[in-house]
């Protein structure tokens, strides 16, 4: 009886956590839509103070929303660049790196036992067994175990070149379906397969093509199909 009650309570907590996460994603998407629409206004000397406040507020919210999985926070950065052009590129770039790093570090704080409990409650027995087997291992041991246990050739290749795969995933069109930048960074942190300095260096390179292109060619390239 006690075991059944504990199981019911565990499932109830997981349900509430998933519901809260869903509300966070929906709210983040709605807030992103509001902010990007707010970027569409004319800049004049008379509204300079409003422009400055809007930019600072949008930049702060951009960092937060970018760190949330399945929230297209990158749209705010693109809206800022489209509105202000090259002068805002450095700020957007820094905010992008900060937002993804926050998501990664939050992932590092999530204990693997929590993830194991979640997939166990969802009935994913093979994943549960895999996670339990790698839980006590360090980064290199975990990587070797995953490569050994993977039946296909593609995943071991991606694991061996995980930093390249990370950079590619962050720039992949449609990566929103796998969590977007925030989700990818969060999963990278949870996996414990990426060191913090190497992750930071990777994303600094991975998110630089658009800012560099805007600096070289102007914000007009964002309008190209």
Protein backbone atom coordinates (compact mmCIF):
# COMPACT_ATOMS: atom_id res chain seq x y z
CA UNK A 1 0.00 0.00 0.00
CA UNK A 2 2.79 2.39 0.92
CA UNK A 3 4.70 1.54 -2.28
CA UNK A 4 1.61 2.20 -4.38
CA UNK A 5 1.06 5.53 -2.63
CA UNK A 6 4.72 6.53 -3.15
CA UNK A 7 4.47 5.58 -6.84
CA UNK A 8 1.31 7.65 -7.24
CA UNK A 9 2.96 10.64 -5.55
CA UNK A 10 6.03 10.29 -7.79
CA UNK A 11 3.90 10.21 -10.92
CA UNK A 12 1.90 13.19 -9.67
CA UNK A 13 5.12 15.20 -9.15
CA UNK A 14 6.32 14.30 -12.64
CA UNK A 15 2.95 15.34 -14.09
CA UNK A 16 3.09 18.68 -12.29
CA UNK A 17 6.70 19.23 -13.42
CA UNK A 18 5.83 18.51 -17.04
CA UNK A 19 2.77 20.77 -16.82
CA UNK A 20 4.87 23.58 -15.36
CA UNK A 21 7.46 23.10 -18.09
CA UNK A 22 4.76 23.18 -20.78
CA UNK A 23 3.36 26.42 -19.31
CA UNK A 24 6.89 27.87 -19.30
CA UNK A 25 7.37 26.96 -22.98
CA UNK A 26 3.98 28.35 -24.03
CA UNK A 27 4.52 31.52 -22.01
CA UNK A 28 8.03 31.92 -23.42
CA UNK A 29 6.77 31.58 -26.99
CA UNK A 30 4.02 34.13 -26.35
CA UNK A 31 6.44 36.58 -24.74
CA UNK A 32 8.87 36.15 -27.65
CA UNK A 33 6.07 37.04 -30.06
CA UNK A 34 5.20 40.16 -28.07
CA UNK A 35 8.83 41.32 -27.90
CA UNK A 36 9.54 40.80 -31.60
CA UNK A 37 6.41 42.78 -32.47
CA UNK A 38 7.52 45.54 -30.10
CA UNK A 39 10.75 45.88 -32.11
CA UNK A 40 8.77 47.17 -35.09
CA UNK A 41 8.71 50.92 -34.50
CA UNK A 42 10.31 53.99 -36.00
CA UNK A 43 13.45 55.35 -34.34
CA UNK A 44 13.43 59.13 -33.96
CA UNK A 45 15.39 61.60 -31.81
CA UNK A 46 12.22 62.23 -29.81
CA UNK A 47 11.90 58.62 -28.67
CA UNK A 48 15.57 57.93 -27.98
CA UNK A 49 14.99 57.17 -24.29
CA UNK A 50 12.26 54.68 -25.13
CA UNK A 51 14.52 53.02 -27.70
CA UNK A 52 17.32 52.60 -25.15
CA UNK A 53 14.97 51.11 -22.54
CA UNK A 54 13.43 48.81 -25.13
CA UNK A 55 16.84 47.57 -26.25
CA UNK A 56 18.05 46.86 -22.71
CA UNK A 57 14.79 45.14 -21.75
CA UNK A 58 14.75 43.08 -24.95
CA UNK A 59 18.40 42.06 -24.46
CA UNK A 60 17.76 40.90 -20.87
CA UNK A 61 14.63 38.97 -21.87
CA UNK A 62 16.49 37.56 -24.86
CA UNK A 63 19.03 35.92 -22.56
CA UNK A 64 16.30 34.38 -20.40
CA UNK A 65 14.09 33.17 -23.26
CA UNK A 66 17.01 31.80 -25.26
CA UNK A 67 17.93 29.58 -22.30
CA UNK A 68 14.46 27.96 -22.25
CA UNK A 69 14.06 24.83 -24.41
CA UNK A 70 11.54 24.99 -27.28
CA UNK A 71 11.32 28.79 -27.10
CA UNK A 72 12.50 30.58 -30.28
CA UNK A 73 14.35 33.27 -28.37
CA UNK A 74 16.75 33.77 -31.29
CA UNK A 75 13.97 35.67 -33.04
CA UNK A 76 14.46 38.53 -30.56
CA UNK A 77 18.15 38.77 -31.44
CA UNK A 78 17.34 38.80 -35.15
CA UNK A 79 14.67 41.45 -34.57
CA UNK A 80 17.17 43.66 -32.74
CA UNK A 81 19.70 43.28 -35.57
CA UNK A 82 17.05 43.96 -38.20
CA UNK A 83 16.00 47.13 -36.36
CA UNK A 84 19.42 48.56 -35.46
CA UNK A 85 21.85 46.84 -37.83
CA UNK A 86 25.59 46.32 -37.21
CA UNK A 87 25.84 48.59 -34.10
CA UNK A 88 23.78 46.09 -32.06
CA UNK A 89 25.50 42.93 -33.33
CA UNK A 90 28.10 42.67 -30.53
CA UNK A 91 25.44 43.01 -27.81
CA UNK A 92 23.26 40.35 -29.45
CA UNK A 93 26.26 38.05 -29.84
CA UNK A 94 27.22 38.40 -26.16
CA UNK A 95 23.62 37.84 -25.05
CA UNK A 96 23.43 34.72 -27.22
CA UNK A 97 26.55 33.24 -25.67
CA UNK A 98 25.37 34.11 -22.16
CA UNK A 99 21.90 32.63 -22.71
CA UNK A 100 23.21 29.33 -24.06
CA UNK A 101 25.83 29.12 -21.31
CA UNK A 102 23.17 29.62 -18.63
CA UNK A 103 21.11 26.78 -20.13
CA UNK A 104 24.19 24.53 -20.23
CA UNK A 105 25.12 25.28 -16.62
CA UNK A 106 21.54 24.64 -15.49
CA UNK A 107 21.77 21.28 -17.24
CA UNK A 108 24.96 20.51 -15.33
CA UNK A 109 23.05 21.12 -12.10
CA UNK A 110 20.32 18.61 -12.93
CA UNK A 111 21.20 15.29 -11.27
CA UNK A 112 21.12 12.27 -13.54
CA UNK A 113 19.00 10.48 -10.93
CA UNK A 114 16.19 12.93 -11.68
CA UNK A 115 16.36 12.09 -15.38
CA UNK A 116 16.47 8.37 -14.59
CA UNK A 117 13.38 8.70 -12.42
CA UNK A 118 11.56 10.55 -15.20
CA UNK A 119 12.28 8.02 -17.97
CA UNK A 120 11.52 5.18 -15.56
CA UNK A 121 8.09 6.62 -14.82
CA UNK A 122 7.51 7.00 -18.57
CA UNK A 123 8.17 3.29 -18.98
CA UNK A 124 11.34 3.68 -21.07
CA UNK A 125 13.11 0.62 -19.71
CA UNK A 126 16.07 0.46 -22.12
CA UNK A 127 16.90 4.15 -21.63
CA UNK A 128 16.52 3.74 -17.88
CA UNK A 129 18.94 0.82 -17.87
CA UNK A 130 21.44 2.75 -19.99
CA UNK A 131 21.30 5.83 -17.77
CA UNK A 132 21.72 3.76 -14.62
CA UNK A 133 24.78 2.05 -16.09
CA UNK A 134 26.55 5.34 -16.91
CA UNK A 135 25.48 7.32 -13.85
CA UNK A 136 28.55 6.53 -11.68
CA UNK A 137 31.04 7.04 -14.55
CA UNK A 138 33.17 10.12 -15.26
CA UNK A 139 33.07 11.96 -18.60
CA UNK A 140 35.55 9.77 -20.47
CA UNK A 141 34.17 6.52 -19.06
CA UNK A 142 30.64 7.62 -19.88
CA UNK A 143 31.61 8.49 -23.43
CA UNK A 144 33.33 5.12 -23.94
CA UNK A 145 30.34 3.25 -22.50
CA UNK A 146 27.87 5.07 -24.75
CA UNK A 147 29.97 4.39 -27.84
CA UNK A 148 30.24 0.71 -26.90
CA UNK A 149 26.52 0.27 -26.19
CA UNK A 150 25.28 2.06 -29.32
CA UNK A 151 24.18 -0.40 -32.02
CA UNK A 152 24.46 2.01 -34.97
CA UNK A 153 27.54 3.64 -36.49
CA UNK A 154 26.13 7.17 -36.71
CA UNK A 155 25.77 7.89 -32.98
CA UNK A 156 29.32 6.78 -32.06
CA UNK A 157 30.63 9.07 -34.81
CA UNK A 158 28.59 11.98 -33.42
CA UNK A 159 29.77 11.22 -29.88
CA UNK A 160 33.43 11.20 -30.93
CA UNK A 161 32.93 14.52 -32.74
CA UNK A 162 30.38 15.86 -30.27
CA UNK A 163 31.62 19.45 -30.27
CA UNK A 164 31.35 19.66 -34.06
CA UNK A 165 27.92 18.03 -33.82
CA UNK A 166 26.93 20.58 -31.16
CA UNK A 167 27.96 23.51 -33.37
CA UNK A 168 26.10 22.01 -36.33
CA UNK A 169 22.95 21.39 -34.26
CA UNK A 170 22.88 25.01 -33.05
CA UNK A 171 22.95 26.21 -36.66
CA UNK A 172 20.65 23.55 -38.09
CA UNK A 173 17.41 24.95 -39.60
CA UNK A 174 14.44 23.63 -37.68
CA UNK A 175 16.41 22.79 -34.54
CA UNK A 176 13.38 24.11 -32.64
CA UNK A 177 11.97 20.57 -33.04
CA UNK A 178 14.76 19.21 -30.84
CA UNK A 179 14.55 21.98 -28.27
CA UNK A 180 16.16 24.92 -30.03
CA UNK A 181 19.40 26.45 -28.79
CA UNK A 182 18.29 26.38 -25.16
CA UNK A 183 17.22 22.74 -25.32
CA UNK A 184 20.41 21.63 -27.08
CA UNK A 185 22.58 23.46 -24.55
CA UNK A 186 20.55 22.08 -21.63
CA UNK A 187 20.88 18.51 -22.90
CA UNK A 188 24.62 19.02 -23.41
CA UNK A 189 24.88 20.02 -19.76
CA UNK A 190 22.75 17.14 -18.50
CA UNK A 191 24.79 14.61 -20.50
CA UNK A 192 28.03 15.58 -18.70
CA UNK A 193 29.85 14.82 -21.97
CA UNK A 194 30.97 18.42 -22.54
CA UNK A 195 33.45 20.35 -20.44
CA UNK A 196 32.43 23.91 -19.62
CA UNK A 197 35.45 25.65 -21.26
CA UNK A 198 35.15 23.57 -24.44
CA UNK A 199 31.39 24.14 -24.58
CA UNK A 200 31.90 27.88 -24.23
CA UNK A 201 34.54 27.94 -26.96
CA UNK A 202 32.28 25.89 -29.24
CA UNK A 203 29.24 28.13 -28.94
CA UNK A 204 31.33 31.28 -29.32
CA UNK A 205 32.38 29.95 -32.72
CA UNK A 206 29.03 28.35 -33.59
CA UNK A 207 26.92 31.51 -33.13
CA UNK A 208 29.39 33.86 -34.85
CA UNK A 209 28.52 33.38 -38.59
CA UNK A 210 25.38 35.55 -38.60
CA UNK A 211 26.93 38.41 -36.58
CA UNK A 212 30.04 38.37 -38.79
CA UNK A 213 27.91 38.32 -41.93
CA UNK A 214 25.87 41.28 -40.70
CA UNK A 215 29.03 43.23 -39.84
CA UNK A 216 30.46 42.52 -43.28
CA UNK A 217 27.35 42.84 -45.45
CA UNK A 218 24.81 44.74 -43.35
CA UNK A 219 21.49 43.73 -41.80
CA UNK A 220 19.95 43.46 -45.27
CA UNK A 221 21.20 39.88 -45.55
CA UNK A 222 18.53 38.86 -43.01
CA UNK A 223 15.89 39.70 -45.61
CA UNK A 224 17.37 37.33 -48.15
CA UNK A 225 15.31 34.17 -48.81
